Amino acid sequence: MKKDLNYIVKVEKAISEKYGKETIVNPNGNWDEEKEKKYIKDLKKFYNKKPIRERILNMGSFVIKEKRRSETARTQRLCPVCAGYSLSFYDDLYMNKFMCCFACYIEYVESREDRWISGWRPKK
């Protein structure tokens, strides 16, 4: 089958007029050595994470798989602001977003989120 290059050019032109020039650009066109190095570094970092380990408990007629988290997952239970330890759902939510527990969020962050995000922390 012979490709009609004029037809391909017309289709690309129509797409670029409708959706913008970014839609027909070759993704490799913006790729350089620096981006390649960063990509490889991020890829290595991703694959070097500690896996979640499983422990199998045999309870007679049934088996339980217990997932154990790595050390880094356990240390995220400590609030860096008040050093409190909690298993609360709210603490998980605010720890992920603001790096503090729910109580510290209420006391220090609520209605001052911009200041918190810029790096302010209470004195210990």
PDB file of N, CA and C in Angstrom:
ATOM      1  N   MET A   1       0.839  -1.176   0.000  1.00  0.00           N
ATOM      2  CA  MET A   1       0.000   0.000   0.000  1.00  0.00           C
ATOM      3  C   MET A   1       0.884   1.238   0.000  1.00  0.00           C
ATOM      4  N   LYS A   2       0.643   2.114  -0.911  1.00  0.00           N
ATOM      5  CA  LYS A   2       1.437   3.334  -1.058  1.00  0.00           C
ATOM      6  C   LYS A   2       0.805   4.451  -0.229  1.00  0.00           C
ATOM      7  N   LYS A   3       1.624   5.135   0.574  1.00  0.00           N
ATOM      8  CA  LYS A   3       1.131   6.217   1.413  1.00  0.00           C
ATOM      9  C   LYS A   3       1.031   7.500   0.595  1.00  0.00           C
ATOM     10  N   ASP A   4      -0.073   8.204   0.761  1.00  0.00           N
ATOM     11  CA  ASP A   4      -0.245   9.499   0.116  1.00  0.00           C
ATOM     12  C   ASP A   4       0.258  10.572   1.079  1.00  0.00           C
ATOM     13  N   LEU A   5       1.470  11.079   0.830  1.00  0.00           N
ATOM     14  CA  LEU A   5       2.092  12.047   1.731  1.00  0.00           C
ATOM     15  C   LEU A   5       1.336  13.364   1.763  1.00  0.00           C
ATOM     16  N   ASN A   6       0.729  13.754   0.653  1.00  0.00           N
ATOM     17  CA  ASN A   6      -0.052  14.994   0.639  1.00  0.00           C
ATOM     18  C   ASN A   6      -1.257  14.895   1.570  1.00  0.00           C
ATOM     19  N   TYR A   7      -1.896  13.727   1.597  1.00  0.00           N
ATOM     20  CA  TYR A   7      -3.035  13.523   2.484  1.00  0.00           C
ATOM     21  C   TYR A   7      -2.591  13.612   3.952  1.00  0.00           C
ATOM     22  N   ILE A   8      -1.447  13.017   4.272  1.00  0.00           N
ATOM     23  CA  ILE A   8      -0.914  13.056   5.644  1.00  0.00           C
ATOM     24  C   ILE A   8      -0.631  14.490   6.059  1.00  0.00           C
ATOM     25  N   VAL A   9      -0.051  15.278   5.165  1.00  0.00           N
ATOM     26  CA  VAL A   9       0.242  16.680   5.461  1.00  0.00           C
ATOM     27  C   VAL A   9      -1.049  17.447   5.699  1.00  0.00           C
ATOM     28  N   LYS A  10      -2.072  17.203   4.885  1.00  0.00           N
ATOM     29  CA  LYS A  10      -3.353  17.888   5.046  1.00  0.00           C
ATOM     30  C   LYS A  10      -4.003  17.543   6.386  1.00  0.00           C
ATOM     31  N   VAL A  11      -3.936  16.276   6.780  1.00  0.00           N
ATOM     32  CA  VAL A  11      -4.515  15.858   8.060  1.00  0.00           C
ATOM     33  C   VAL A  11      -3.771  16.510   9.215  1.00  0.00           C
ATOM     34  N   GLU A  12      -2.440  16.517   9.177  1.00  0.00           N
ATOM     35  CA  GLU A  12      -1.648  17.157  10.237  1.00  0.00           C
ATOM     36  C   GLU A  12      -1.950  18.640  10.319  1.00  0.00           C
ATOM     37  N   LYS A  13      -2.098  19.294   9.184  1.00  0.00           N
ATOM     38  CA  LYS A  13      -2.396  20.728   9.169  1.00  0.00           C
ATOM     39  C   LYS A  13      -3.765  20.989   9.791  1.00  0.00           C
ATOM     40  N   ALA A  14      -4.756  20.171   9.439  1.00  0.00           N
ATOM     41  CA  ALA A  14      -6.097  20.336  10.002  1.00  0.00           C
ATOM     42  C   ALA A  14      -6.098  20.118  11.508  1.00  0.00           C
ATOM     43  N   ILE A  15      -5.361  19.108  11.964  1.00  0.00           N
ATOM     44  CA  ILE A  15      -5.280  18.834  13.407  1.00  0.00           C
ATOM     45  C   ILE A  15      -4.610  19.993  14.129  1.00  0.00           C
ATOM     46  N   SER A  16      -3.509  20.521  13.572  1.00  0.00           N
ATOM     47  CA  SER A  16      -2.799  21.621  14.232  1.00  0.00           C
ATOM     48  C   SER A  16      -3.644  22.887  14.262  1.00  0.00           C
ATOM     49  N   GLU A  17      -4.449  23.123  13.229  1.00  0.00           N
ATOM     50  CA  GLU A  17      -5.311  24.304  13.233  1.00  0.00           C
ATOM     51  C   GLU A  17      -6.424  24.169  14.265  1.00  0.00           C
ATOM     52  N   LYS A  18      -6.952  22.980  14.425  1.00  0.00           N
ATOM     53  CA  LYS A  18      -8.059  22.771  15.350  1.00  0.00           C
ATOM     54  C   LYS A  18      -7.604  22.672  16.808  1.00  0.00           C
ATOM     55  N   TYR A  19      -6.504  21.946  17.064  1.00  0.00           N
ATOM     56  CA  TYR A  19      -6.086  21.657  18.437  1.00  0.00           C
ATOM     57  C   TYR A  19      -4.780  22.319  18.860  1.00  0.00           C
ATOM     58  N   GLY A  20      -4.080  22.969  17.955  1.00  0.00           N
ATOM     59  CA  GLY A  20      -2.822  23.621  18.300  1.00  0.00           C
ATOM     60  C   GLY A  20      -1.623  22.829  17.801  1.00  0.00           C
ATOM     61  N   LYS A  21      -0.493  23.530  17.680  1.00  0.00           N
ATOM     62  CA  LYS A  21       0.717  22.915  17.122  1.00  0.00           C
ATOM     63  C   LYS A  21       1.297  21.817  18.011  1.00  0.00           C
ATOM     64  N   GLU A  22       1.026  21.878  19.328  1.00  0.00           N
ATOM     65  CA  GLU A  22       1.588  20.874  20.240  1.00  0.00           C
ATOM     66  C   GLU A  22       1.082  19.469  19.925  1.00  0.00           C
ATOM     67  N   THR A  23      -0.078  19.355  19.273  1.00  0.00           N
ATOM     68  CA  THR A  23      -0.660  18.040  19.026  1.00  0.00           C
ATOM     69  C   THR A  23       0.049  17.241  17.945  1.00  0.00           C
ATOM     70  N   ILE A  24       0.794  17.916  17.077  1.00  0.00           N
ATOM     71  CA  ILE A  24       1.462  17.183  15.993  1.00  0.00           C
ATOM     72  C   ILE A  24       2.975  17.130  16.164  1.00  0.00           C
ATOM     73  N   VAL A  25       3.477  17.643  17.281  1.00  0.00           N
ATOM     74  CA  VAL A  25       4.913  17.639  17.531  1.00  0.00           C
ATOM     75  C   VAL A  25       5.354  16.248  17.965  1.00  0.00           C
ATOM     76  N   ASN A  26       6.472  15.794  17.465  1.00  0.00           N
ATOM     77  CA  ASN A  26       7.043  14.513  17.858  1.00  0.00           C
ATOM     78  C   ASN A  26       7.501  14.605  19.315  1.00  0.00           C
ATOM     79  N   PRO A  27       7.068  13.686  20.186  1.00  0.00           N
ATOM     80  CA  PRO A  27       7.471  13.745  21.597  1.00  0.00           C
ATOM     81  C   PRO A  27       8.987  13.711  21.793  1.00  0.00           C
ATOM     82  N   ASN A  28       9.708  13.059  20.899  1.00  0.00           N
ATOM     83  CA  ASN A  28      11.166  13.017  21.023  1.00  0.00           C
ATOM     84  C   ASN A  28      11.822  14.339  20.655  1.00  0.00           C
ATOM     85  N   GLY A  29      11.075  15.245  20.057  1.00  0.00           N
ATOM     86  CA  GLY A  29      11.643  16.522  19.641  1.00  0.00           C
ATOM     87  C   GLY A  29      12.071  17.392  20.810  1.00  0.00           C
ATOM     88  N   ASN A  30      11.400  17.271  21.967  1.00  0.00           N
ATOM     89  CA  ASN A  30      11.730  18.091  23.139  1.00  0.00           C
ATOM     90  C   ASN A  30      12.625  17.349  24.129  1.00  0.00           C
ATOM     91  N   TRP A  31      13.030  16.138  23.800  1.00  0.00           N
ATOM     92  CA  TRP A  31      13.812  15.304  24.714  1.00  0.00           C
ATOM     93  C   TRP A  31      15.290  15.599  24.523  1.00  0.00           C
ATOM     94  N   ASP A  32      16.021  15.772  25.631  1.00  0.00           N
ATOM     95  CA  ASP A  32      17.455  16.010  25.542  1.00  0.00           C
ATOM     96  C   ASP A  32      18.180  15.168  26.593  1.00  0.00           C
ATOM     97  N   GLU A  33      19.495  15.302  26.647  1.00  0.00           N
ATOM     98  CA  GLU A  33      20.310  14.502  27.583  1.00  0.00           C
ATOM     99  C   GLU A  33      19.936  14.761  29.038  1.00  0.00           C
ATOM    100  N   GLU A  34      19.659  16.015  29.373  1.00  0.00           N
ATOM    101  CA  GLU A  34      19.329  16.368  30.753  1.00  0.00           C
ATOM    102  C   GLU A  34      18.020  15.699  31.188  1.00  0.00           C
ATOM    103  N   LYS A  35      17.019  15.718  30.331  1.00  0.00           N
ATOM    104  CA  LYS A  35      15.751  15.070  30.644  1.00  0.00           C
ATOM    105  C   LYS A  35      15.925  13.558  30.738  1.00  0.00           C
ATOM    106  N   GLU A  36      16.773  13.003  29.896  1.00  0.00           N
ATOM    107  CA  GLU A  36      17.034  11.564  29.921  1.00  0.00           C
ATOM    108  C   GLU A  36      17.679  11.159  31.247  1.00  0.00           C
ATOM    109  N   LYS A  37      18.667  11.946  31.718  1.00  0.00           N
ATOM    110  CA  LYS A  37      19.336  11.651  32.984  1.00  0.00           C
ATOM    111  C   LYS A  37      18.364  11.747  34.148  1.00  0.00           C
ATOM    112  N   LYS A  38      17.505  12.778  34.142  1.00  0.00           N
ATOM    113  CA  LYS A  38      16.523  12.937  35.211  1.00  0.00           C
ATOM    114  C   LYS A  38      15.530  11.771  35.197  1.00  0.00           C
ATOM    115  N   TYR A  39      15.110  11.358  34.015  1.00  0.00           N
ATOM    116  CA  TYR A  39      14.174  10.241  33.890  1.00  0.00           C
ATOM    117  C   TYR A  39      14.785   8.957  34.446  1.00  0.00           C
ATOM    118  N   ILE A  40      16.021   8.678  34.111  1.00  0.00           N
ATOM    119  CA  ILE A  40      16.691   7.464  34.593  1.00  0.00           C
ATOM    120  C   ILE A  40      16.876   7.526  36.105  1.00  0.00           C
ATOM    121  N   LYS A  41      17.227   8.705  36.625  1.00  0.00           N
ATOM    122  CA  LYS A  41      17.401   8.878  38.065  1.00  0.00           C
ATOM    123  C   LYS A  41      16.074   8.629  38.796  1.00  0.00           C
ATOM    124  N   ASP A  42      14.982   9.211  38.284  1.00  0.00           N
ATOM    125  CA  ASP A  42      13.669   9.011  38.894  1.00  0.00           C
ATOM    126  C   ASP A  42      13.227   7.558  38.801  1.00  0.00           C
ATOM    127  N   LEU A  43      13.545   6.912  37.696  1.00  0.00           N
ATOM    128  CA  LEU A  43      13.191   5.511  37.507  1.00  0.00           C
ATOM    129  C   LEU A  43      13.917   4.622  38.522  1.00  0.00           C
ATOM    130  N   LYS A  44      15.216   4.879  38.729  1.00  0.00           N
ATOM    131  CA  LYS A  44      15.982   4.115  39.714  1.00  0.00           C
ATOM    132  C   LYS A  44      15.437   4.346  41.121  1.00  0.00           C
ATOM    133  N   LYS A  45      15.087   5.596  41.426  1.00  0.00           N
ATOM    134  CA  LYS A  45      14.540   5.933  42.735  1.00  0.00           C
ATOM    135  C   LYS A  45      13.219   5.190  42.967  1.00  0.00           C
ATOM    136  N   PHE A  46      12.386   5.126  41.935  1.00  0.00           N
ATOM    137  CA  PHE A  46      11.101   4.435  42.040  1.00  0.00           C
ATOM    138  C   PHE A  46      11.295   2.946  42.314  1.00  0.00           C
ATOM    139  N   TYR A  47      12.205   2.309  41.607  1.00  0.00           N
ATOM    140  CA  TYR A  47      12.389   0.867  41.757  1.00  0.00           C
ATOM    141  C   TYR A  47      13.229   0.486  42.970  1.00  0.00           C
ATOM    142  N   ASN A  48      13.860   1.438  43.634  1.00  0.00           N
ATOM    143  CA  ASN A  48      14.646   1.135  44.830  1.00  0.00           C
ATOM    144  C   ASN A  48      13.839   1.296  46.114  1.00  0.00           C
ATOM    145  N   LYS A  49      12.543   1.579  46.002  1.00  0.00           N
ATOM    146  CA  LYS A  49      11.712   1.684  47.198  1.00  0.00           C
ATOM    147  C   LYS A  49      11.607   0.323  47.865  1.00  0.00           C
ATOM    148  N   LYS A  50      11.499   0.347  49.185  1.00  0.00           N
ATOM    149  CA  LYS A  50      11.358  -0.905  49.922  1.00  0.00           C
ATOM    150  C   LYS A  50       9.952  -1.461  49.688  1.00  0.00           C
ATOM    151  N   PRO A  51       9.852  -2.719  49.335  1.00  0.00           N
ATOM    152  CA  PRO A  51       8.527  -3.298  49.079  1.00  0.00           C
ATOM    153  C   PRO A  51       7.787  -3.592  50.383  1.00  0.00           C
ATOM    154  N   ILE A  52       6.477  -3.698  50.272  1.00  0.00           N
ATOM    155  CA  ILE A  52       5.673  -4.120  51.419  1.00  0.00           C
ATOM    156  C   ILE A  52       5.821  -5.632  51.533  1.00  0.00           C
ATOM    157  N   ARG A  53       6.234  -6.075  52.698  1.00  0.00           N
ATOM    158  CA  ARG A  53       6.457  -7.497  52.905  1.00  0.00           C
ATOM    159  C   ARG A  53       5.185  -8.145  53.442  1.00  0.00           C
ATOM    160  N   GLU A  54       4.978  -9.393  53.103  1.00  0.00           N
ATOM    161  CA  GLU A  54       3.817 -10.132  53.574  1.00  0.00           C
ATOM    162  C   GLU A  54       4.256 -11.245  54.504  1.00  0.00           C
ATOM    163  N   ARG A  55       3.460 -11.476  55.509  1.00  0.00           N
ATOM    164  CA  ARG A  55       3.697 -12.593  56.403  1.00  0.00           C
ATOM    165  C   ARG A  55       2.434 -13.445  56.372  1.00  0.00           C
ATOM    166  N   ILE A  56       2.592 -14.731  56.160  1.00  0.00           N
ATOM    167  CA  ILE A  56       1.444 -15.625  56.066  1.00  0.00           C
ATOM    168  C   ILE A  56       1.253 -16.317  57.414  1.00  0.00           C
ATOM    169  N   LEU A  57       0.049 -16.157  57.972  1.00  0.00           N
ATOM    170  CA  LEU A  57      -0.287 -16.778  59.238  1.00  0.00           C
ATOM    171  C   LEU A  57      -1.234 -17.940  58.968  1.00  0.00           C
ATOM    172  N   ASN A  58      -0.840 -19.122  59.381  1.00  0.00           N
ATOM    173  CA  ASN A  58      -1.674 -20.297  59.189  1.00  0.00           C
ATOM    174  C   ASN A  58      -2.528 -20.482  60.439  1.00  0.00           C
ATOM    175  N   MET A  59      -3.837 -20.314  60.304  1.00  0.00           N
ATOM    176  CA  MET A  59      -4.752 -20.399  61.436  1.00  0.00           C
ATOM    177  C   MET A  59      -5.640 -21.634  61.322  1.00  0.00           C
ATOM    178  N   GLY A  60      -5.029 -22.781  61.182  1.00  0.00           N
ATOM    179  CA  GLY A  60      -5.800 -24.011  61.098  1.00  0.00           C
ATOM    180  C   GLY A  60      -6.414 -24.208  59.728  1.00  0.00           C
ATOM    181  N   SER A  61      -7.706 -23.932  59.613  1.00  0.00           N
ATOM    182  CA  SER A  61      -8.411 -24.185  58.355  1.00  0.00           C
ATOM    183  C   SER A  61      -8.346 -23.010  57.379  1.00  0.00           C
ATOM    184  N   PHE A  62      -7.763 -21.890  57.786  1.00  0.00           N
ATOM    185  CA  PHE A  62      -7.648 -20.756  56.875  1.00  0.00           C
ATOM    186  C   PHE A  62      -6.295 -20.068  57.036  1.00  0.00           C
ATOM    187  N   VAL A  63      -5.946 -19.273  56.045  1.00  0.00           N
ATOM    188  CA  VAL A  63      -4.652 -18.594  56.008  1.00  0.00           C
ATOM    189  C   VAL A  63      -4.888 -17.086  55.944  1.00  0.00           C
ATOM    190  N   ILE A  64      -4.123 -16.328  56.731  1.00  0.00           N
ATOM    191  CA  ILE A  64      -4.227 -14.868  56.733  1.00  0.00           C
ATOM    192  C   ILE A  64      -2.924 -14.298  56.194  1.00  0.00           C
ATOM    193  N   LYS A  65      -3.045 -13.389  55.242  1.00  0.00           N
ATOM    194  CA  LYS A  65      -1.866 -12.674  54.753  1.00  0.00           C
ATOM    195  C   LYS A  65      -1.815 -11.327  55.449  1.00  0.00           C
ATOM    196  N   GLU A  66      -0.748 -11.080  56.186  1.00  0.00           N
ATOM    197  CA  GLU A  66      -0.584  -9.840  56.918  1.00  0.00           C
ATOM    198  C   GLU A  66       0.486  -9.010  56.218  1.00  0.00           C
ATOM    199  N   LYS A  67       0.110  -7.823  55.783  1.00  0.00           N
ATOM    200  CA  LYS A  67       1.077  -6.957  55.120  1.00  0.00           C
ATOM    201  C   LYS A  67       1.798  -6.132  56.174  1.00  0.00           C
ATOM    202  N   ARG A  68       3.106  -6.109  56.060  1.00  0.00           N
ATOM    203  CA  ARG A  68       3.912  -5.307  56.972  1.00  0.00           C
ATOM    204  C   ARG A  68       4.547  -4.195  56.172  1.00  0.00           C
ATOM    205  N   ARG A  69       4.474  -3.005  56.692  1.00  0.00           N
ATOM    206  CA  ARG A  69       5.035  -1.858  55.996  1.00  0.00           C
ATOM    207  C   ARG A  69       6.516  -1.732  56.310  1.00  0.00           C
ATOM    208  N   SER A  70       7.191  -0.996  55.449  1.00  0.00           N
ATOM    209  CA  SER A  70       8.615  -0.759  55.674  1.00  0.00           C
ATOM    210  C   SER A  70       8.786   0.248  56.811  1.00  0.00           C
ATOM    211  N   GLU A  71      10.006   0.445  57.255  1.00  0.00           N
ATOM    212  CA  GLU A  71      10.298   1.366  58.349  1.00  0.00           C
ATOM    213  C   GLU A  71       9.841   2.785  58.045  1.00  0.00           C
ATOM    214  N   THR A  72      10.018   3.233  56.802  1.00  0.00           N
ATOM    215  CA  THR A  72       9.641   4.606  56.470  1.00  0.00           C
ATOM    216  C   THR A  72       8.146   4.805  56.610  1.00  0.00           C
ATOM    217  N   ALA A  73       7.338   3.809  56.294  1.00  0.00           N
ATOM    218  CA  ALA A  73       5.888   3.939  56.435  1.00  0.00           C
ATOM    219  C   ALA A  73       5.490   4.035  57.909  1.00  0.00           C
ATOM    220  N   ARG A  74       6.199   3.326  58.781  1.00  0.00           N
ATOM    221  CA  ARG A  74       5.874   3.385  60.200  1.00  0.00           C
ATOM    222  C   ARG A  74       6.271   4.707  60.820  1.00  0.00           C
ATOM    223  N   THR A  75       7.359   5.296  60.395  1.00  0.00           N
ATOM    224  CA  THR A  75       7.801   6.549  60.990  1.00  0.00           C
ATOM    225  C   THR A  75       6.936   7.721  60.555  1.00  0.00           C
ATOM    226  N   GLN A  76       6.140   7.557  59.511  1.00  0.00           N
ATOM    227  CA  GLN A  76       5.253   8.630  59.100  1.00  0.00           C
ATOM    228  C   GLN A  76       4.056   8.751  60.035  1.00  0.00           C
ATOM    229  N   ARG A  77       3.942   7.890  60.979  1.00  0.00           N
ATOM    230  CA  ARG A  77       2.884   7.976  61.977  1.00  0.00           C
ATOM    231  C   ARG A  77       3.200   9.024  63.041  1.00  0.00           C
ATOM    232  N   LEU A  78       4.456   9.449  63.131  1.00  0.00           N
ATOM    233  CA  LEU A  78       4.840  10.469  64.098  1.00  0.00           C
ATOM    234  C   LEU A  78       4.679  11.847  63.478  1.00  0.00           C
ATOM    235  N   CYS A  79       3.961  12.714  64.170  1.00  0.00           N
ATOM    236  CA  CYS A  79       3.783  14.090  63.697  1.00  0.00           C
ATOM    237  C   CYS A  79       5.082  14.852  63.924  1.00  0.00           C
ATOM    238  N   PRO A  80       5.656  15.480  62.880  1.00  0.00           N
ATOM    239  CA  PRO A  80       6.902  16.220  63.061  1.00  0.00           C
ATOM    240  C   PRO A  80       6.738  17.494  63.877  1.00  0.00           C
ATOM    241  N   VAL A  81       5.508  17.963  64.062  1.00  0.00           N
ATOM    242  CA  VAL A  81       5.277  19.200  64.808  1.00  0.00           C
ATOM    243  C   VAL A  81       5.158  18.925  66.301  1.00  0.00           C
ATOM    244  N   CYS A  82       4.269  17.976  66.673  1.00  0.00           N
ATOM    245  CA  CYS A  82       4.044  17.720  68.101  1.00  0.00           C
ATOM    246  C   CYS A  82       4.631  16.397  68.574  1.00  0.00           C
ATOM    247  N   ALA A  83       5.182  15.605  67.666  1.00  0.00           N
ATOM    248  CA  ALA A  83       5.775  14.295  67.957  1.00  0.00           C
ATOM    249  C   ALA A  83       4.746  13.300  68.490  1.00  0.00           C
ATOM    250  N   GLY A  84       3.466  13.543  68.203  1.00  0.00           N
ATOM    251  CA  GLY A  84       2.409  12.617  68.613  1.00  0.00           C
ATOM    252  C   GLY A  84       2.309  11.452  67.635  1.00  0.00           C
ATOM    253  N   TYR A  85       1.844  10.316  68.130  1.00  0.00           N
ATOM    254  CA  TYR A  85       1.704   9.111  67.323  1.00  0.00           C
ATOM    255  C   TYR A  85       0.231   8.762  67.246  1.00  0.00           C
ATOM    256  N   SER A  86      -0.267   8.531  66.032  1.00  0.00           N
ATOM    257  CA  SER A  86      -1.685   8.248  65.904  1.00  0.00           C
ATOM    258  C   SER A  86      -1.952   7.313  64.735  1.00  0.00           C
ATOM    259  N   LEU A  87      -3.077   6.608  64.811  1.00  0.00           N
ATOM    260  CA  LEU A  87      -3.524   5.725  63.743  1.00  0.00           C
ATOM    261  C   LEU A  87      -4.810   6.250  63.108  1.00  0.00           C
ATOM    262  N   SER A  88      -5.172   7.480  63.388  1.00  0.00           N
ATOM    263  CA  SER A  88      -6.422   8.055  62.921  1.00  0.00           C
ATOM    264  C   SER A  88      -6.422   8.288  61.412  1.00  0.00           C
ATOM    265  N   PHE A  89      -7.589   8.123  60.808  1.00  0.00           N
ATOM    266  CA  PHE A  89      -7.759   8.401  59.384  1.00  0.00           C
ATOM    267  C   PHE A  89      -7.480   9.874  59.098  1.00  0.00           C
ATOM    268  N   TYR A  90      -7.956  10.763  59.971  1.00  0.00           N
ATOM    269  CA  TYR A  90      -7.723  12.194  59.778  1.00  0.00           C
ATOM    270  C   TYR A  90      -6.231  12.519  59.796  1.00  0.00           C
ATOM    271  N   ASP A  91      -5.498  11.883  60.699  1.00  0.00           N
ATOM    272  CA  ASP A  91      -4.059  12.127  60.765  1.00  0.00           C
ATOM    273  C   ASP A  91      -3.372  11.714  59.471  1.00  0.00           C
ATOM    274  N   ASP A  92      -3.779  10.579  58.891  1.00  0.00           N
ATOM    275  CA  ASP A  92      -3.203  10.148  57.616  1.00  0.00           C
ATOM    276  C   ASP A  92      -3.448  11.189  56.537  1.00  0.00           C
ATOM    277  N   LEU A  93      -4.647  11.681  56.476  1.00  0.00           N
ATOM    278  CA  LEU A  93      -5.022  12.659  55.466  1.00  0.00           C
ATOM    279  C   LEU A  93      -4.198  13.935  55.588  1.00  0.00           C
ATOM    280  N   TYR A  94      -4.121  14.489  56.795  1.00  0.00           N
ATOM    281  CA  TYR A  94      -3.393  15.738  56.989  1.00  0.00           C
ATOM    282  C   TYR A  94      -1.881  15.544  56.983  1.00  0.00           C
ATOM    283  N   MET A  95      -1.420  14.356  57.339  1.00  0.00           N
ATOM    284  CA  MET A  95       0.011  14.069  57.273  1.00  0.00           C
ATOM    285  C   MET A  95       0.472  14.065  55.815  1.00  0.00           C
ATOM    286  N   ASN A  96      -0.344  13.506  54.923  1.00  0.00           N
ATOM    287  CA  ASN A  96       0.011  13.479  53.506  1.00  0.00           C
ATOM    288  C   ASN A  96       0.001  14.870  52.891  1.00  0.00           C
ATOM    289  N   LYS A  97      -0.960  15.696  53.284  1.00  0.00           N
ATOM    290  CA  LYS A  97      -1.094  17.002  52.649  1.00  0.00           C
ATOM    291  C   LYS A  97      -0.246  18.084  53.311  1.00  0.00           C
ATOM    292  N   PHE A  98      -0.204  18.113  54.653  1.00  0.00           N
ATOM    293  CA  PHE A  98       0.456  19.213  55.361  1.00  0.00           C
ATOM    294  C   PHE A  98       1.628  18.778  56.239  1.00  0.00           C
ATOM    295  N   MET A  99       1.937  17.491  56.284  1.00  0.00           N
ATOM    296  CA  MET A  99       3.021  16.972  57.123  1.00  0.00           C
ATOM    297  C   MET A  99       2.813  17.335  58.593  1.00  0.00           C
ATOM    298  N   CYS A 100       1.571  17.167  59.068  1.00  0.00           N
ATOM    299  CA  CYS A 100       1.266  17.337  60.488  1.00  0.00           C
ATOM    300  C   CYS A 100       0.005  16.548  60.786  1.00  0.00           C
ATOM    301  N   CYS A 101      -0.247  16.280  62.065  1.00  0.00           N
ATOM    302  CA  CYS A 101      -1.439  15.532  62.451  1.00  0.00           C
ATOM    303  C   CYS A 101      -2.675  16.441  62.408  1.00  0.00           C
ATOM    304  N   PHE A 102      -3.847  15.861  62.618  1.00  0.00           N
ATOM    305  CA  PHE A 102      -5.094  16.616  62.552  1.00  0.00           C
ATOM    306  C   PHE A 102      -5.145  17.698  63.622  1.00  0.00           C
ATOM    307  N   ALA A 103      -4.691  17.368  64.834  1.00  0.00           N
ATOM    308  CA  ALA A 103      -4.706  18.349  65.923  1.00  0.00           C
ATOM    309  C   ALA A 103      -3.808  19.550  65.607  1.00  0.00           C
ATOM    310  N   CYS A 104      -2.635  19.292  65.061  1.00  0.00           N
ATOM    311  CA  CYS A 104      -1.738  20.393  64.685  1.00  0.00           C
ATOM    312  C   CYS A 104      -2.316  21.192  63.528  1.00  0.00           C
ATOM    313  N   TYR A 105      -3.020  20.502  62.621  1.00  0.00           N
ATOM    314  CA  TYR A 105      -3.664  21.223  61.528  1.00  0.00           C
ATOM    315  C   TYR A 105      -4.677  22.217  62.086  1.00  0.00           C
ATOM    316  N   ILE A 106      -5.510  21.766  63.018  1.00  0.00           N
ATOM    317  CA  ILE A 106      -6.529  22.642  63.609  1.00  0.00           C
ATOM    318  C   ILE A 106      -5.871  23.808  64.331  1.00  0.00           C
ATOM    319  N   GLU A 107      -4.800  23.533  65.084  1.00  0.00           N
ATOM    320  CA  GLU A 107      -4.179  24.571  65.901  1.00  0.00           C
ATOM    321  C   GLU A 107      -3.311  25.544  65.098  1.00  0.00           C
ATOM    322  N   TYR A 108      -2.553  25.042  64.110  1.00  0.00           N
ATOM    323  CA  TYR A 108      -1.566  25.885  63.446  1.00  0.00           C
ATOM    324  C   TYR A 108      -1.861  26.190  61.978  1.00  0.00           C
ATOM    325  N   VAL A 109      -2.495  25.284  61.258  1.00  0.00           N
ATOM    326  CA  VAL A 109      -2.586  25.420  59.805  1.00  0.00           C
ATOM    327  C   VAL A 109      -3.914  26.015  59.345  1.00  0.00           C
ATOM    328  N   GLU A 110      -5.002  25.601  59.962  1.00  0.00           N
ATOM    329  CA  GLU A 110      -6.326  26.004  59.501  1.00  0.00           C
ATOM    330  C   GLU A 110      -6.438  27.521  59.385  1.00  0.00           C
ATOM    331  N   SER A 111      -6.884  27.982  58.245  1.00  0.00           N
ATOM    332  CA  SER A 111      -7.030  29.393  57.856  1.00  0.00           C
ATOM    333  C   SER A 111      -5.686  30.123  57.710  1.00  0.00           C
ATOM    334  N   ARG A 112      -4.570  29.382  57.792  1.00  0.00           N
ATOM    335  CA  ARG A 112      -3.239  29.959  57.545  1.00  0.00           C
ATOM    336  C   ARG A 112      -2.429  29.042  56.636  1.00  0.00           C
ATOM    337  N   GLU A 113      -3.111  28.427  55.686  1.00  0.00           N
ATOM    338  CA  GLU A 113      -2.470  27.421  54.831  1.00  0.00           C
ATOM    339  C   GLU A 113      -1.336  28.012  53.995  1.00  0.00           C
ATOM    340  N   ASP A 114      -1.503  29.221  53.494  1.00  0.00           N
ATOM    341  CA  ASP A 114      -0.450  29.831  52.679  1.00  0.00           C
ATOM    342  C   ASP A 114       0.836  30.002  53.479  1.00  0.00           C
ATOM    343  N   ARG A 115       0.694  30.445  54.708  1.00  0.00           N
ATOM    344  CA  ARG A 115       1.865  30.624  55.572  1.00  0.00           C
ATOM    345  C   ARG A 115       2.529  29.278  55.855  1.00  0.00           C
ATOM    346  N   TRP A 116       1.726  28.245  56.091  1.00  0.00           N
ATOM    347  CA  TRP A 116       2.254  26.908  56.372  1.00  0.00           C
ATOM    348  C   TRP A 116       2.992  26.360  55.163  1.00  0.00           C
ATOM    349  N   ILE A 117       2.393  26.498  53.988  1.00  0.00           N
ATOM    350  CA  ILE A 117       3.001  25.984  52.758  1.00  0.00           C
ATOM    351  C   ILE A 117       4.304  26.709  52.448  1.00  0.00           C
ATOM    352  N   SER A 118       4.384  27.986  52.808  1.00  0.00           N
ATOM    353  CA  SER A 118       5.623  28.747  52.554  1.00  0.00           C
ATOM    354  C   SER A 118       6.758  28.335  53.489  1.00  0.00           C
ATOM    355  N   GLY A 119       6.469  27.512  54.512  1.00  0.00           N
ATOM    356  CA  GLY A 119       7.561  26.980  55.337  1.00  0.00           C
ATOM    357  C   GLY A 119       7.487  27.332  56.808  1.00  0.00           C
ATOM    358  N   TRP A 120       6.539  28.142  57.237  1.00  0.00           N
ATOM    359  CA  TRP A 120       6.444  28.504  58.649  1.00  0.00           C
ATOM    360  C   TRP A 120       6.063  27.292  59.483  1.00  0.00           C
ATOM    361  N   ARG A 121       6.708  27.147  60.639  1.00  0.00           N
ATOM    362  CA  ARG A 121       6.377  26.096  61.609  1.00  0.00           C
ATOM    363  C   ARG A 121       6.428  26.707  62.995  1.00  0.00           C
ATOM    364  N   PRO A 122       5.625  26.202  63.952  1.00  0.00           N
ATOM    365  CA  PRO A 122       5.659  26.736  65.308  1.00  0.00           C
ATOM    366  C   PRO A 122       6.974  26.396  66.007  1.00  0.00           C
ATOM    367  N   LYS A 123       7.364  27.252  66.926  1.00  0.00           N
ATOM    368  CA  LYS A 123       8.574  26.989  67.725  1.00  0.00           C
ATOM    369  C   LYS A 123       8.270  25.874  68.706  1.00  0.00           C
ATOM    370  N   LYS A 124       9.250  25.004  68.895  1.00  0.00           N
ATOM    371  CA  LYS A 124       9.036  23.862  69.803  1.00  0.00           C
ATOM    372  C   LYS A 124       9.193  24.254  71.238  1.00  0.00           C
TER     373      LYS A 124
END
